[in-house]
Amino acid sequence: MHHCFCIECKEPFMGNDETEVFCPECMGGSSDDDYACGKNARKEKRAFNRERGPEILKEHGVSFAIKNNGAHLIVQHGGKVVDYWPGTGKFIFRDGGEGRGVFTLLKALGMKEKKAA
């Protein structure tokens, strides 16, 4: 868990990873206004992930081809080929297996997470 600040409401919260930028309250809600806020927050989160996911792969030296304006990446590393959608974090290995999250993908590719300097 990491200390994060929500970019929507500016409140601190504990997030799963450093790329999580919206607190749980801003990710959803019950009233129409809360729902719209959550929907916009999710849309912004996916856009952020589409930008940050490829950056993280590059930082770890993982090669990929960009498809559909960055919505879909074909990742190749260590003889493995993976379809990866950074907006949602979903990935599917072409020889079987799937998951979610860029760091989970790196781990599945046998990479170790780089520590912050």
Protein backbone atom coordinates (compact mmCIF):
# COMPACT_ATOMS: atom_id res chain seq x y z
CA MET A 1 0.00 0.00 0.00
CA HIS A 2 1.18 3.51 -0.84
CA HIS A 3 0.18 6.95 0.37
CA CYS A 4 -1.63 8.70 -2.49
CA PHE A 5 -3.51 11.95 -3.01
CA CYS A 6 -6.67 11.87 -5.07
CA ILE A 7 -6.46 14.19 -8.08
CA GLU A 8 -10.24 14.68 -7.94
CA CYS A 9 -10.89 15.63 -4.29
CA LYS A 10 -7.25 16.17 -3.15
CA GLU A 11 -7.79 13.90 -0.11
CA PRO A 12 -5.08 11.45 1.01
CA PHE A 13 -5.78 7.71 0.85
CA MET A 14 -3.94 4.39 0.82
CA GLY A 15 -3.64 3.05 -2.73
CA ASN A 16 -2.55 -0.30 -4.16
CA ASP A 17 0.21 1.19 -6.29
CA GLU A 18 1.83 4.50 -7.11
CA THR A 19 -0.19 4.89 -10.32
CA GLU A 20 -3.52 4.94 -8.47
CA VAL A 21 -4.62 8.56 -8.53
CA PHE A 22 -8.32 8.52 -7.56
CA CYS A 23 -9.61 7.67 -4.09
CA PRO A 24 -12.36 5.03 -3.80
CA GLU A 25 -15.00 7.70 -3.16
CA CYS A 26 -14.21 9.47 -6.44
CA MET A 27 -14.21 6.19 -8.39
CA GLY A 28 -17.93 5.62 -7.88
CA GLY A 29 -21.01 6.78 -6.04
CA SER A 30 -24.75 6.44 -5.60
CA SER A 31 -26.28 9.77 -6.67
CA ASP A 32 -26.32 10.94 -10.27
CA ASP A 33 -23.68 13.58 -9.55
CA ASP A 34 -21.52 11.06 -7.70
CA TYR A 35 -21.95 8.60 -10.56
CA ALA A 36 -20.95 11.22 -13.14
CA CYS A 37 -17.94 12.18 -11.01
CA GLY A 38 -16.96 8.52 -10.69
CA LYS A 39 -17.49 7.90 -14.39
CA ASN A 40 -15.25 10.85 -15.27
CA ALA A 41 -12.70 9.71 -12.69
CA ARG A 42 -12.62 6.22 -14.21
CA LYS A 43 -12.25 7.71 -17.69
CA GLU A 44 -9.34 9.87 -16.51
CA LYS A 45 -7.79 6.88 -14.72
CA ARG A 46 -7.90 4.82 -17.94
CA ALA A 47 -6.33 7.72 -19.86
CA PHE A 48 -3.62 8.01 -17.20
CA ASN A 49 -3.00 4.25 -17.40
CA ARG A 50 -2.77 4.40 -21.22
CA GLU A 51 -0.02 6.99 -20.80
CA ARG A 52 1.81 5.49 -17.84
CA GLY A 53 1.63 1.78 -18.78
CA PRO A 54 3.90 2.08 -21.84
CA GLU A 55 6.29 4.32 -19.89
CA ILE A 56 6.65 1.65 -17.20
CA LEU A 57 7.27 -1.04 -19.83
CA LYS A 58 9.98 1.14 -21.45
CA GLU A 59 11.59 1.78 -18.05
CA HIS A 60 11.91 -1.99 -17.64
CA GLY A 61 13.28 -2.53 -21.16
CA VAL A 62 10.23 -4.42 -22.42
CA SER A 63 9.55 -4.09 -26.15
CA PHE A 64 6.07 -3.63 -27.54
CA ALA A 65 4.17 -2.60 -30.65
CA ILE A 66 1.49 0.08 -30.36
CA LYS A 67 -1.92 -0.64 -31.89
CA ASN A 68 -5.17 1.35 -31.97
CA ASN A 69 -3.51 4.65 -30.94
CA GLY A 70 -2.08 3.11 -27.76
CA ALA A 71 -5.25 1.39 -26.57
CA HIS A 72 -3.69 -2.03 -27.34
CA LEU A 73 -0.05 -3.05 -27.04
CA ILE A 74 1.54 -6.24 -28.26
CA VAL A 75 4.26 -6.96 -25.73
CA GLN A 76 7.20 -9.24 -26.49
CA HIS A 77 9.70 -10.31 -23.87
CA GLY A 78 11.67 -13.48 -23.22
CA GLY A 79 9.99 -15.35 -26.06
CA LYS A 80 6.52 -14.51 -24.73
CA VAL A 81 3.88 -12.54 -26.64
CA VAL A 82 1.19 -10.73 -24.69
CA ASP A 83 -1.79 -8.61 -25.69
CA TYR A 84 -2.01 -5.73 -23.20
CA TRP A 85 -4.63 -2.99 -22.87
CA PRO A 86 -3.03 -0.35 -20.61
CA GLY A 87 -6.27 1.60 -20.10
CA THR A 88 -7.88 -1.26 -18.21
CA GLY A 89 -4.63 -3.03 -17.32
CA LYS A 90 -5.87 -6.31 -18.82
CA PHE A 91 -3.33 -8.61 -20.42
CA ILE A 92 -3.61 -11.99 -22.12
CA PHE A 93 -0.68 -14.25 -22.93
CA ARG A 94 -1.08 -15.71 -26.41
CA ASP A 95 -0.08 -19.14 -25.10
CA GLY A 96 -2.55 -18.95 -22.19
CA GLY A 97 -2.91 -17.00 -19.00
CA GLU A 98 -4.19 -13.53 -18.23
CA GLY A 99 -4.29 -10.88 -15.55
CA ARG A 100 -4.53 -7.17 -14.81
CA GLY A 101 -2.03 -4.44 -14.04
CA VAL A 102 1.28 -3.43 -15.56
CA PHE A 103 3.26 -4.54 -12.51
CA THR A 104 1.50 -7.91 -12.50
CA LEU A 105 2.38 -8.19 -16.20
CA LEU A 106 6.03 -7.43 -15.48
CA LYS A 107 6.07 -10.07 -12.76
CA ALA A 108 4.43 -12.61 -15.11
CA LEU A 109 7.16 -11.84 -17.65
CA GLY A 110 9.75 -12.70 -15.00
CA MET A 111 10.86 -9.12 -14.41
CA LYS A 112 11.72 -7.68 -11.03
CA GLU A 113 10.21 -4.32 -10.00
CA LYS A 114 12.74 -1.50 -10.12
CA LYS A 115 13.13 0.33 -6.85
CA ALA A 116 12.75 4.12 -6.79
CA ALA A 117 16.06 5.95 -6.45
